[in-house]
Amino acid sequence: MPGMFEIVRYTAEKASEWDEFITQSKNGTFLFLRNYMDYHADRFQDFSLMFYAKGRLLAVLPANLRGDVLYSHQGLTYGGLISGERLTVVDTISLFRELNDFVRDKAISKVVYKCIPWIYHRLAAEEDLYALYHICHATMVARDFATCIFLPKHLRWERVRRRGVVRAQQAGLIVSRSTDFAPFWQVLTDNLTTKYGVRPVHTLQEIELLHSRFPDNIILYTAEKDNVVVGGVVLYVTPQVVHAQYSSATPEGKRLGAMDFLYSQIMGVDYAEYPYFDFGRSTDNADGSSLNEPLVFQKEGYGGRGLCYDIYEWSPCSV
């Protein structure tokens, strides 16, 4: 019996159709546009899927294949099913049943699925969570803890954070937007290398490329002391959320309250009318079980509270 959906693998010829759907979807952000996803196409075997019903595109799944495992795209922070406004929960149930048939036919043994946190939804879009549980019998394999702020009604900052703003003002720090990523990237790289022995996920060249493609979505703020960058924040701006993708300060910047000053400008002035600010995750290992408590404490000092980033997996052969 034919199913409701025609499932088609994404190809470059469909880029315009894909992008137009993302911009009109319930839960898509610029991270799912092909000019963002494809900047690291050489690292991932793309296996993104498009779901049509009666010729109309109703959903897409950004994905990649590694061996015989299908991942909702490993190059993205989040990224499950992107759904159009017309996709109902009954449709979504059918979609996941037919997705399982499709991937079984491709000899795919497992699906690993990253959910899109609800604050990024333009309209409610958790039909996939219902189908994951009841149709796929999926198991949660990771839960990362993030910290976010509901900006229209936020908690008061802790005293230590408020004092940091005063200290930065008294020291003459200057906060501004910048398009020169190199000085901040050096600060960020030095910090990550010293504290964790890692480097930023994006190279300087990659973040400059992505900024050139999405200048209204990827925005750098810096704090300077005597024309020297002592701190900065790279924001990813989406319709619902301002997300701190990267943030870092030099030892002097930390002592002078650079981060407090930066966030007071971002959250208190420039993006005060936005619904949510997302500090991102504060977990150090793959399944999210190791919580970086000092980092969470700092974020909670700005009034942030908990948000989970969840990952599920299931075997299509068992459903």
C-alpha atoms as a PDB file:
ATOM      1  CA  MET A   1       0.000   0.000   0.000  1.00  0.00           C
ATOM      2  CA  PRO A   2       1.517   3.354  -1.016  1.00  0.00           C
ATOM      3  CA  GLY A   3       2.335   5.742   1.804  1.00  0.00           C
ATOM      4  CA  MET A   4       1.365   9.348   2.260  1.00  0.00           C
ATOM      5  CA  PHE A   5       4.855  10.711   1.572  1.00  0.00           C
ATOM      6  CA  GLU A   6       7.326  10.710  -1.256  1.00  0.00           C
ATOM      7  CA  ILE A   7      10.747  10.791   0.450  1.00  0.00           C
ATOM      8  CA  VAL A   8      13.505  12.319  -1.655  1.00  0.00           C
ATOM      9  CA  ARG A   9      17.201  12.780  -0.889  1.00  0.00           C
ATOM     10  CA  TYR A  10      18.357  16.367  -1.077  1.00  0.00           C
ATOM     11  CA  THR A  11      20.569  17.351  -4.014  1.00  0.00           C
ATOM     12  CA  ALA A  12      22.158  20.687  -4.859  1.00  0.00           C
ATOM     13  CA  GLU A  13      19.526  21.285  -7.541  1.00  0.00           C
ATOM     14  CA  LYS A  14      16.952  21.570  -4.771  1.00  0.00           C
ATOM     15  CA  ALA A  15      18.839  24.233  -2.779  1.00  0.00           C
ATOM     16  CA  SER A  16      16.421  27.076  -3.531  1.00  0.00           C
ATOM     17  CA  GLU A  17      13.373  24.962  -2.715  1.00  0.00           C
ATOM     18  CA  TRP A  18      15.024  23.735   0.498  1.00  0.00           C
ATOM     19  CA  ASP A  19      15.956  27.258   1.627  1.00  0.00           C
ATOM     20  CA  GLU A  20      12.534  28.700   0.863  1.00  0.00           C
ATOM     21  CA  PHE A  21      10.931  25.958   2.934  1.00  0.00           C
ATOM     22  CA  ILE A  22      13.277  26.604   5.884  1.00  0.00           C
ATOM     23  CA  THR A  23      12.420  30.314   5.965  1.00  0.00           C
ATOM     24  CA  GLN A  24       8.671  29.549   6.081  1.00  0.00           C
ATOM     25  CA  SER A  25       8.818  26.572   8.464  1.00  0.00           C
ATOM     26  CA  LYS A  26       7.624  26.348  12.055  1.00  0.00           C
ATOM     27  CA  ASN A  27      11.023  25.625  13.525  1.00  0.00           C
ATOM     28  CA  GLY A  28      13.766  26.297  10.992  1.00  0.00           C
ATOM     29  CA  THR A  29      16.684  28.689  11.586  1.00  0.00           C
ATOM     30  CA  PHE A  30      19.466  29.963   9.343  1.00  0.00           C
ATOM     31  CA  LEU A  31      21.656  27.034  10.446  1.00  0.00           C
ATOM     32  CA  PHE A  32      19.542  24.829   8.150  1.00  0.00           C
ATOM     33  CA  LEU A  33      20.022  26.998   5.069  1.00  0.00           C
ATOM     34  CA  ARG A  34      22.291  25.323   2.586  1.00  0.00           C
ATOM     35  CA  ASN A  35      24.860  28.150   2.601  1.00  0.00           C
ATOM     36  CA  TYR A  36      25.400  27.354   6.271  1.00  0.00           C
ATOM     37  CA  MET A  37      25.093  23.569   6.202  1.00  0.00           C
ATOM     38  CA  ASP A  38      27.322  23.122   3.177  1.00  0.00           C
ATOM     39  CA  TYR A  39      30.330  25.123   4.372  1.00  0.00           C
ATOM     40  CA  HIS A  40      31.683  21.865   5.826  1.00  0.00           C
ATOM     41  CA  ALA A  41      30.223  19.533   3.202  1.00  0.00           C
ATOM     42  CA  ASP A  42      33.632  17.899   2.774  1.00  0.00           C
ATOM     43  CA  ARG A  43      33.444  16.522   6.344  1.00  0.00           C
ATOM     44  CA  PHE A  44      30.007  14.911   6.146  1.00  0.00           C
ATOM     45  CA  GLN A  45      28.230  12.634   3.686  1.00  0.00           C
ATOM     46  CA  ASP A  46      24.992  14.547   3.305  1.00  0.00           C
ATOM     47  CA  PHE A  47      21.848  12.439   3.521  1.00  0.00           C
ATOM     48  CA  SER A  48      19.267  15.158   4.054  1.00  0.00           C
ATOM     49  CA  LEU A  49      15.700  14.154   3.233  1.00  0.00           C
ATOM     50  CA  MET A  50      12.686  15.995   1.841  1.00  0.00           C
ATOM     51  CA  PHE A  51       9.124  14.814   2.480  1.00  0.00           C
ATOM     52  CA  TYR A  52       6.443  15.555  -0.134  1.00  0.00           C
ATOM     53  CA  ALA A  53       2.715  14.862  -0.021  1.00  0.00           C
ATOM     54  CA  LYS A  54       0.736  15.352  -3.252  1.00  0.00           C
ATOM     55  CA  GLY A  55       3.642  17.349  -4.636  1.00  0.00           C
ATOM     56  CA  ARG A  56       3.811  19.731  -1.673  1.00  0.00           C
ATOM     57  CA  LEU A  57       6.929  19.855   0.494  1.00  0.00           C
ATOM     58  CA  LEU A  58       5.774  19.391   4.121  1.00  0.00           C
ATOM     59  CA  ALA A  59       9.000  18.639   6.017  1.00  0.00           C
ATOM     60  CA  VAL A  60      12.749  18.229   5.688  1.00  0.00           C
ATOM     61  CA  LEU A  61      15.346  16.407   7.766  1.00  0.00           C
ATOM     62  CA  PRO A  62      18.917  17.786   7.726  1.00  0.00           C
ATOM     63  CA  ALA A  63      21.023  14.647   8.020  1.00  0.00           C
ATOM     64  CA  ASN A  64      24.272  12.904   7.232  1.00  0.00           C
ATOM     65  CA  LEU A  65      25.290   9.279   6.875  1.00  0.00           C
ATOM     66  CA  ARG A  66      28.279   7.716   8.600  1.00  0.00           C
ATOM     67  CA  GLY A  67      28.690   4.043   7.863  1.00  0.00           C
ATOM     68  CA  ASP A  68      25.233   2.532   8.311  1.00  0.00           C
ATOM     69  CA  VAL A  69      24.057   5.168  10.818  1.00  0.00           C
ATOM     70  CA  LEU A  70      21.848   8.113   9.870  1.00  0.00           C
ATOM     71  CA  TYR A  71      22.417  11.229  11.986  1.00  0.00           C
ATOM     72  CA  SER A  72      20.323  14.348  12.138  1.00  0.00           C
ATOM     73  CA  HIS A  73      23.191  16.467  10.984  1.00  0.00           C
ATOM     74  CA  GLN A  74      26.343  16.091  13.094  1.00  0.00           C
ATOM     75  CA  GLY A  75      27.654  19.457  11.940  1.00  0.00           C
ATOM     76  CA  LEU A  76      24.790  21.335  13.614  1.00  0.00           C
ATOM     77  CA  THR A  77      24.084  22.127  17.255  1.00  0.00           C
ATOM     78  CA  TYR A  78      20.495  20.962  16.922  1.00  0.00           C
ATOM     79  CA  GLY A  79      18.440  19.667  14.045  1.00  0.00           C
ATOM     80  CA  GLY A  80      15.587  17.219  13.911  1.00  0.00           C
ATOM     81  CA  LEU A  81      12.564  17.382  11.634  1.00  0.00           C
ATOM     82  CA  ILE A  82      11.877  20.834  10.173  1.00  0.00           C
ATOM     83  CA  SER A  83       8.143  21.048   9.621  1.00  0.00           C
ATOM     84  CA  GLY A  84       5.848  23.308   7.672  1.00  0.00           C
ATOM     85  CA  GLU A  85       2.767  24.908   9.151  1.00  0.00           C
ATOM     86  CA  ARG A  86       0.513  22.368   7.401  1.00  0.00           C
ATOM     87  CA  LEU A  87       2.150  19.309   8.986  1.00  0.00           C
ATOM     88  CA  THR A  88      -0.167  17.830  11.640  1.00  0.00           C
ATOM     89  CA  VAL A  89       0.599  15.267  14.325  1.00  0.00           C
ATOM     90  CA  VAL A  90      -1.244  12.569  12.335  1.00  0.00           C
ATOM     91  CA  ASP A  91       0.891  13.463   9.316  1.00  0.00           C
ATOM     92  CA  THR A  92       4.018  13.283  11.470  1.00  0.00           C
ATOM     93  CA  ILE A  93       3.112   9.807  12.710  1.00  0.00           C
ATOM     94  CA  SER A  94       2.799   8.671   9.090  1.00  0.00           C
ATOM     95  CA  LEU A  95       6.042  10.428   8.216  1.00  0.00           C
ATOM     96  CA  PHE A  96       8.078   8.553  10.840  1.00  0.00           C
ATOM     97  CA  ARG A  97       6.523   5.217   9.905  1.00  0.00           C
ATOM     98  CA  GLU A  98       7.479   5.811   6.291  1.00  0.00           C
ATOM     99  CA  LEU A  99      10.908   7.164   7.261  1.00  0.00           C
ATOM    100  CA  ASN A 100      11.611   3.864   9.022  1.00  0.00           C
ATOM    101  CA  ASP A 101      10.599   1.923   5.908  1.00  0.00           C
ATOM    102  CA  PHE A 102      12.794   4.186   3.783  1.00  0.00           C
ATOM    103  CA  VAL A 103      15.940   3.829   5.889  1.00  0.00           C
ATOM    104  CA  ARG A 104      15.459   0.079   6.291  1.00  0.00           C
ATOM    105  CA  ASP A 105      15.454  -0.200   2.495  1.00  0.00           C
ATOM    106  CA  LYS A 106      18.774   1.697   2.510  1.00  0.00           C
ATOM    107  CA  ALA A 107      20.282  -0.829   4.965  1.00  0.00           C
ATOM    108  CA  ILE A 108      20.589   1.831   7.671  1.00  0.00           C
ATOM    109  CA  SER A 109      20.858   0.151  11.063  1.00  0.00           C
ATOM    110  CA  LYS A 110      20.366   3.106  13.409  1.00  0.00           C
ATOM    111  CA  VAL A 111      19.052   6.666  13.473  1.00  0.00           C
ATOM    112  CA  VAL A 112      20.506   9.284  15.844  1.00  0.00           C
ATOM    113  CA  TYR A 113      18.205  12.257  16.209  1.00  0.00           C
ATOM    114  CA  LYS A 114      18.947  15.677  17.743  1.00  0.00           C
ATOM    115  CA  CYS A 115      15.862  17.621  18.791  1.00  0.00           C
ATOM    116  CA  ILE A 116      15.410  21.332  18.220  1.00  0.00           C
ATOM    117  CA  PRO A 117      14.923  23.012  21.636  1.00  0.00           C
ATOM    118  CA  TRP A 118      11.460  24.496  21.914  1.00  0.00           C
ATOM    119  CA  ILE A 119      12.623  28.085  22.351  1.00  0.00           C
ATOM    120  CA  TYR A 120      13.743  28.044  18.699  1.00  0.00           C
ATOM    121  CA  HIS A 121      10.247  27.192  17.447  1.00  0.00           C
ATOM    122  CA  ARG A 122       8.343  29.990  15.733  1.00  0.00           C
ATOM    123  CA  LEU A 123       5.199  27.906  16.233  1.00  0.00           C
ATOM    124  CA  ALA A 124       4.802  24.862  18.473  1.00  0.00           C
ATOM    125  CA  ALA A 125       6.537  21.976  16.707  1.00  0.00           C
ATOM    126  CA  GLU A 126       6.966  18.976  18.995  1.00  0.00           C
ATOM    127  CA  GLU A 127       4.939  16.507  16.938  1.00  0.00           C
ATOM    128  CA  ASP A 128       8.221  14.705  16.281  1.00  0.00           C
ATOM    129  CA  LEU A 129       8.699  13.993  19.999  1.00  0.00           C
ATOM    130  CA  TYR A 130       5.347  12.215  20.119  1.00  0.00           C
ATOM    131  CA  ALA A 131       6.235  10.110  17.086  1.00  0.00           C
ATOM    132  CA  LEU A 132       9.716   9.323  18.390  1.00  0.00           C
ATOM    133  CA  TYR A 133       8.247   7.771  21.522  1.00  0.00           C
ATOM    134  CA  HIS A 134       5.158   6.028  20.196  1.00  0.00           C
ATOM    135  CA  ILE A 135       6.206   5.084  16.643  1.00  0.00           C
ATOM    136  CA  CYS A 136       9.990   4.696  16.776  1.00  0.00           C
ATOM    137  CA  HIS A 137      10.232   3.629  20.432  1.00  0.00           C
ATOM    138  CA  ALA A 138      13.347   5.787  20.529  1.00  0.00           C
ATOM    139  CA  THR A 139      15.656   5.905  23.532  1.00  0.00           C
ATOM    140  CA  MET A 140      17.170   9.108  24.862  1.00  0.00           C
ATOM    141  CA  VAL A 141      20.948   8.676  24.733  1.00  0.00           C
ATOM    142  CA  ALA A 142      22.065  12.187  25.689  1.00  0.00           C
ATOM    143  CA  ARG A 143      20.649  15.182  27.506  1.00  0.00           C
ATOM    144  CA  ASP A 144      22.762  18.334  27.535  1.00  0.00           C
ATOM    145  CA  PHE A 145      21.992  21.159  29.944  1.00  0.00           C
ATOM    146  CA  ALA A 146      21.845  24.706  28.610  1.00  0.00           C
ATOM    147  CA  THR A 147      20.905  28.013  30.211  1.00  0.00           C
ATOM    148  CA  CYS A 148      18.464  30.511  28.750  1.00  0.00           C
ATOM    149  CA  ILE A 149      16.699  33.719  29.711  1.00  0.00           C
ATOM    150  CA  PHE A 150      13.156  34.827  28.910  1.00  0.00           C
ATOM    151  CA  LEU A 151      14.139  38.419  28.185  1.00  0.00           C
ATOM    152  CA  PRO A 152      10.721  40.142  28.568  1.00  0.00           C
ATOM    153  CA  LYS A 153      10.526  38.982  32.183  1.00  0.00           C
ATOM    154  CA  HIS A 154      14.016  38.119  33.318  1.00  0.00           C
ATOM    155  CA  LEU A 155      15.406  37.562  36.783  1.00  0.00           C
ATOM    156  CA  ARG A 156      17.580  40.230  38.330  1.00  0.00           C
ATOM    157  CA  TRP A 157      21.301  39.713  37.842  1.00  0.00           C
ATOM    158  CA  GLU A 158      23.333  38.550  40.833  1.00  0.00           C
ATOM    159  CA  ARG A 159      25.288  41.244  42.622  1.00  0.00           C
ATOM    160  CA  VAL A 160      28.658  39.987  41.349  1.00  0.00           C
ATOM    161  CA  ARG A 161      27.463  40.418  37.758  1.00  0.00           C
ATOM    162  CA  ARG A 162      26.081  43.901  38.384  1.00  0.00           C
ATOM    163  CA  ARG A 163      29.326  44.931  40.031  1.00  0.00           C
ATOM    164  CA  GLY A 164      31.224  43.684  36.987  1.00  0.00           C
ATOM    165  CA  VAL A 165      29.341  46.150  34.782  1.00  0.00           C
ATOM    166  CA  VAL A 166      30.267  49.026  37.098  1.00  0.00           C
ATOM    167  CA  ARG A 167      33.903  47.908  37.184  1.00  0.00           C
ATOM    168  CA  ALA A 168      34.044  47.792  33.375  1.00  0.00           C
ATOM    169  CA  GLN A 169      32.526  51.261  33.061  1.00  0.00           C
ATOM    170  CA  GLN A 170      34.966  52.699  35.570  1.00  0.00           C
ATOM    171  CA  ALA A 171      37.878  51.090  33.712  1.00  0.00           C
ATOM    172  CA  GLY A 172      36.791  52.777  30.487  1.00  0.00           C
ATOM    173  CA  LEU A 173      35.987  49.625  28.522  1.00  0.00           C
ATOM    174  CA  ILE A 174      34.184  50.184  25.232  1.00  0.00           C
ATOM    175  CA  VAL A 175      31.617  47.686  23.910  1.00  0.00           C
ATOM    176  CA  SER A 176      30.728  47.745  20.215  1.00  0.00           C
ATOM    177  CA  ARG A 177      29.859  45.589  17.246  1.00  0.00           C
ATOM    178  CA  SER A 178      32.751  44.564  15.052  1.00  0.00           C
ATOM    179  CA  THR A 179      33.365  42.789  11.777  1.00  0.00           C
ATOM    180  CA  ASP A 180      37.022  42.083  12.605  1.00  0.00           C
ATOM    181  CA  PHE A 181      36.942  38.563  14.021  1.00  0.00           C
ATOM    182  CA  ALA A 182      40.711  37.969  14.181  1.00  0.00           C
ATOM    183  CA  PRO A 183      41.550  39.687  17.523  1.00  0.00           C
ATOM    184  CA  PHE A 184      38.671  38.012  19.331  1.00  0.00           C
ATOM    185  CA  TRP A 185      39.452  34.643  17.752  1.00  0.00           C
ATOM    186  CA  GLN A 186      42.932  34.829  19.243  1.00  0.00           C
ATOM    187  CA  VAL A 187      41.455  35.513  22.686  1.00  0.00           C
ATOM    188  CA  LEU A 188      39.004  32.621  22.268  1.00  0.00           C
ATOM    189  CA  THR A 189      41.621  30.198  20.971  1.00  0.00           C
ATOM    190  CA  ASP A 190      44.064  31.032  23.766  1.00  0.00           C
ATOM    191  CA  ASN A 191      41.389  30.430  26.407  1.00  0.00           C
ATOM    192  CA  LEU A 192      40.123  27.150  24.981  1.00  0.00           C
ATOM    193  CA  THR A 193      43.641  25.824  24.468  1.00  0.00           C
ATOM    194  CA  THR A 194      44.745  26.755  27.977  1.00  0.00           C
ATOM    195  CA  LYS A 195      41.629  25.561  29.848  1.00  0.00           C
ATOM    196  CA  TYR A 196      40.471  22.559  27.836  1.00  0.00           C
ATOM    197  CA  GLY A 197      43.190  21.703  25.323  1.00  0.00           C
ATOM    198  CA  VAL A 198      40.806  22.263  22.395  1.00  0.00           C
ATOM    199  CA  ARG A 199      40.272  24.821  19.675  1.00  0.00           C
ATOM    200  CA  PRO A 200      37.066  26.563  18.519  1.00  0.00           C
ATOM    201  CA  VAL A 201      34.756  24.393  16.426  1.00  0.00           C
ATOM    202  CA  HIS A 202      35.065  26.945  13.620  1.00  0.00           C
ATOM    203  CA  THR A 203      38.378  28.196  12.321  1.00  0.00           C
ATOM    204  CA  LEU A 204      38.815  31.942  11.883  1.00  0.00           C
ATOM    205  CA  GLN A 205      38.427  31.502   8.119  1.00  0.00           C
ATOM    206  CA  GLU A 206      35.209  29.519   8.565  1.00  0.00           C
ATOM    207  CA  ILE A 207      33.553  32.019  10.900  1.00  0.00           C
ATOM    208  CA  GLU A 208      34.560  34.872   8.583  1.00  0.00           C
ATOM    209  CA  LEU A 209      33.040  32.991   5.650  1.00  0.00           C
ATOM    210  CA  LEU A 210      29.816  32.286   7.526  1.00  0.00           C
ATOM    211  CA  HIS A 211      29.583  35.893   8.706  1.00  0.00           C
ATOM    212  CA  SER A 212      29.970  37.070   5.106  1.00  0.00           C
ATOM    213  CA  ARG A 213      27.062  34.801   4.124  1.00  0.00           C
ATOM    214  CA  PHE A 214      24.869  35.674   7.136  1.00  0.00           C
ATOM    215  CA  PRO A 215      25.849  39.180   8.293  1.00  0.00           C
ATOM    216  CA  ASP A 216      22.480  39.766   9.981  1.00  0.00           C
ATOM    217  CA  ASN A 217      22.570  36.452  11.857  1.00  0.00           C
ATOM    218  CA  ILE A 218      26.216  36.089  12.931  1.00  0.00           C
ATOM    219  CA  ILE A 219      27.270  39.143  14.906  1.00  0.00           C
ATOM    220  CA  LEU A 220      30.427  39.885  16.879  1.00  0.00           C
ATOM    221  CA  TYR A 221      30.514  42.159  19.927  1.00  0.00           C
ATOM    222  CA  THR A 222      33.860  43.115  21.452  1.00  0.00           C
ATOM    223  CA  ALA A 223      34.965  44.854  24.631  1.00  0.00           C
ATOM    224  CA  GLU A 224      38.123  46.930  24.249  1.00  0.00           C
ATOM    225  CA  LYS A 225      40.521  48.523  26.701  1.00  0.00           C
ATOM    226  CA  ASP A 226      42.838  51.113  25.127  1.00  0.00           C
ATOM    227  CA  ASN A 227      41.973  49.763  21.640  1.00  0.00           C
ATOM    228  CA  VAL A 228      42.867  46.188  22.615  1.00  0.00           C
ATOM    229  CA  VAL A 229      40.193  43.471  22.565  1.00  0.00           C
ATOM    230  CA  VAL A 230      39.855  42.019  26.064  1.00  0.00           C
ATOM    231  CA  GLY A 231      36.586  40.138  25.538  1.00  0.00           C
ATOM    232  CA  GLY A 232      33.917  39.287  23.023  1.00  0.00           C
ATOM    233  CA  VAL A 233      30.751  37.404  22.169  1.00  0.00           C
ATOM    234  CA  VAL A 234      29.713  35.900  18.820  1.00  0.00           C
ATOM    235  CA  LEU A 235      25.929  35.842  18.553  1.00  0.00           C
ATOM    236  CA  TYR A 236      23.792  33.604  16.378  1.00  0.00           C
ATOM    237  CA  VAL A 237      20.551  35.532  15.916  1.00  0.00           C
ATOM    238  CA  THR A 238      17.423  33.590  14.907  1.00  0.00           C
ATOM    239  CA  PRO A 239      13.758  34.690  14.878  1.00  0.00           C
ATOM    240  CA  GLN A 240      13.098  33.600  18.468  1.00  0.00           C
ATOM    241  CA  VAL A 241      16.520  33.403  20.075  1.00  0.00           C
ATOM    242  CA  VAL A 242      19.778  35.303  20.492  1.00  0.00           C
ATOM    243  CA  HIS A 243      22.356  32.593  21.116  1.00  0.00           C
ATOM    244  CA  ALA A 244      25.876  33.106  22.471  1.00  0.00           C
ATOM    245  CA  GLN A 245      27.779  30.819  20.119  1.00  0.00           C
ATOM    246  CA  TYR A 246      31.185  31.867  21.453  1.00  0.00           C
ATOM    247  CA  SER A 247      32.211  34.042  24.395  1.00  0.00           C
ATOM    248  CA  SER A 248      35.611  34.654  25.939  1.00  0.00           C
ATOM    249  CA  ALA A 249      37.780  37.215  27.704  1.00  0.00           C
ATOM    250  CA  THR A 250      41.443  37.723  28.486  1.00  0.00           C
ATOM    251  CA  PRO A 251      42.606  37.567  32.122  1.00  0.00           C
ATOM    252  CA  GLU A 252      42.485  41.376  32.178  1.00  0.00           C
ATOM    253  CA  GLY A 253      39.041  41.358  30.606  1.00  0.00           C
ATOM    254  CA  LYS A 254      37.766  38.968  33.264  1.00  0.00           C
ATOM    255  CA  ARG A 255      39.225  41.120  36.037  1.00  0.00           C
ATOM    256  CA  LEU A 256      37.595  44.258  34.593  1.00  0.00           C
ATOM    257  CA  GLY A 257      34.138  42.728  34.061  1.00  0.00           C
ATOM    258  CA  ALA A 258      34.249  42.649  30.263  1.00  0.00           C
ATOM    259  CA  MET A 259      31.729  39.835  29.884  1.00  0.00           C
ATOM    260  CA  ASP A 260      29.270  41.486  32.274  1.00  0.00           C
ATOM    261  CA  PHE A 261      29.548  44.714  30.306  1.00  0.00           C
ATOM    262  CA  LEU A 262      29.060  42.917  26.995  1.00  0.00           C
ATOM    263  CA  TYR A 263      25.960  41.063  28.167  1.00  0.00           C
ATOM    264  CA  SER A 264      24.467  44.205  29.692  1.00  0.00           C
ATOM    265  CA  GLN A 265      24.616  45.860  26.275  1.00  0.00           C
ATOM    266  CA  ILE A 266      23.377  42.802  24.368  1.00  0.00           C
ATOM    267  CA  MET A 267      20.545  41.735  26.673  1.00  0.00           C
ATOM    268  CA  GLY A 268      19.706  45.051  28.254  1.00  0.00           C
ATOM    269  CA  VAL A 269      19.790  47.297  25.193  1.00  0.00           C
ATOM    270  CA  ASP A 270      20.333  45.893  21.710  1.00  0.00           C
ATOM    271  CA  TYR A 271      18.243  42.709  22.024  1.00  0.00           C
ATOM    272  CA  ALA A 272      16.039  43.564  24.986  1.00  0.00           C
ATOM    273  CA  GLU A 273      12.891  43.042  22.886  1.00  0.00           C
ATOM    274  CA  TYR A 274      13.836  39.512  21.809  1.00  0.00           C
ATOM    275  CA  PRO A 275      11.964  36.570  23.372  1.00  0.00           C
ATOM    276  CA  TYR A 276      14.965  34.461  24.469  1.00  0.00           C
ATOM    277  CA  PHE A 277      18.688  34.583  25.097  1.00  0.00           C
ATOM    278  CA  ASP A 278      20.440  31.198  25.013  1.00  0.00           C
ATOM    279  CA  PHE A 279      23.860  30.870  26.648  1.00  0.00           C
ATOM    280  CA  GLY A 280      24.208  27.381  25.211  1.00  0.00           C
ATOM    281  CA  ARG A 281      25.274  24.146  26.810  1.00  0.00           C
ATOM    282  CA  SER A 282      27.386  23.664  29.930  1.00  0.00           C
ATOM    283  CA  THR A 283      28.205  19.965  29.685  1.00  0.00           C
ATOM    284  CA  ASP A 284      31.602  18.517  28.886  1.00  0.00           C
ATOM    285  CA  ASN A 285      31.013  15.004  27.569  1.00  0.00           C
ATOM    286  CA  ALA A 286      29.057  13.250  24.855  1.00  0.00           C
ATOM    287  CA  ASP A 287      25.967  12.248  26.832  1.00  0.00           C
ATOM    288  CA  GLY A 288      25.721  15.439  28.894  1.00  0.00           C
ATOM    289  CA  SER A 289      26.281  13.717  32.256  1.00  0.00           C
ATOM    290  CA  SER A 290      29.242  15.905  33.264  1.00  0.00           C
ATOM    291  CA  LEU A 291      27.966  19.349  34.265  1.00  0.00           C
ATOM    292  CA  ASN A 292      30.417  22.269  34.266  1.00  0.00           C
ATOM    293  CA  GLU A 293      29.170  23.765  37.504  1.00  0.00           C
ATOM    294  CA  PRO A 294      31.300  26.953  37.527  1.00  0.00           C
ATOM    295  CA  LEU A 295      30.109  27.752  34.007  1.00  0.00           C
ATOM    296  CA  VAL A 296      26.460  27.160  34.931  1.00  0.00           C
ATOM    297  CA  PHE A 297      26.898  29.310  38.044  1.00  0.00           C
ATOM    298  CA  GLN A 298      28.152  32.190  35.901  1.00  0.00           C
ATOM    299  CA  LYS A 299      25.221  31.916  33.488  1.00  0.00           C
ATOM    300  CA  GLU A 300      22.698  31.650  36.290  1.00  0.00           C
ATOM    301  CA  GLY A 301      24.173  34.852  37.698  1.00  0.00           C
ATOM    302  CA  TYR A 302      22.705  36.650  34.692  1.00  0.00           C
ATOM    303  CA  GLY A 303      19.271  35.240  35.485  1.00  0.00           C
ATOM    304  CA  GLY A 304      19.512  32.179  33.262  1.00  0.00           C
ATOM    305  CA  ARG A 305      17.646  28.955  33.993  1.00  0.00           C
ATOM    306  CA  GLY A 306      17.532  25.453  32.538  1.00  0.00           C
ATOM    307  CA  LEU A 307      16.945  24.243  28.978  1.00  0.00           C
ATOM    308  CA  CYS A 308      17.707  20.735  27.717  1.00  0.00           C
ATOM    309  CA  TYR A 309      19.167  19.669  24.376  1.00  0.00           C
ATOM    310  CA  ASP A 310      18.152  16.024  23.834  1.00  0.00           C
ATOM    311  CA  ILE A 311      19.419  13.291  21.521  1.00  0.00           C
ATOM    312  CA  TYR A 312      17.501  10.079  20.737  1.00  0.00           C
ATOM    313  CA  GLU A 313      18.309   6.953  18.802  1.00  0.00           C
ATOM    314  CA  TRP A 314      16.464   3.915  17.521  1.00  0.00           C
ATOM    315  CA  SER A 315      16.856   0.983  15.186  1.00  0.00           C
ATOM    316  CA  PRO A 316      14.438   1.095  12.225  1.00  0.00           C
ATOM    317  CA  CYS A 317      14.694  -2.692  11.990  1.00  0.00           C
ATOM    318  CA  SER A 318      12.996  -3.090  15.378  1.00  0.00           C
ATOM    319  CA  VAL A 319       9.934  -0.936  14.677  1.00  0.00           C
END
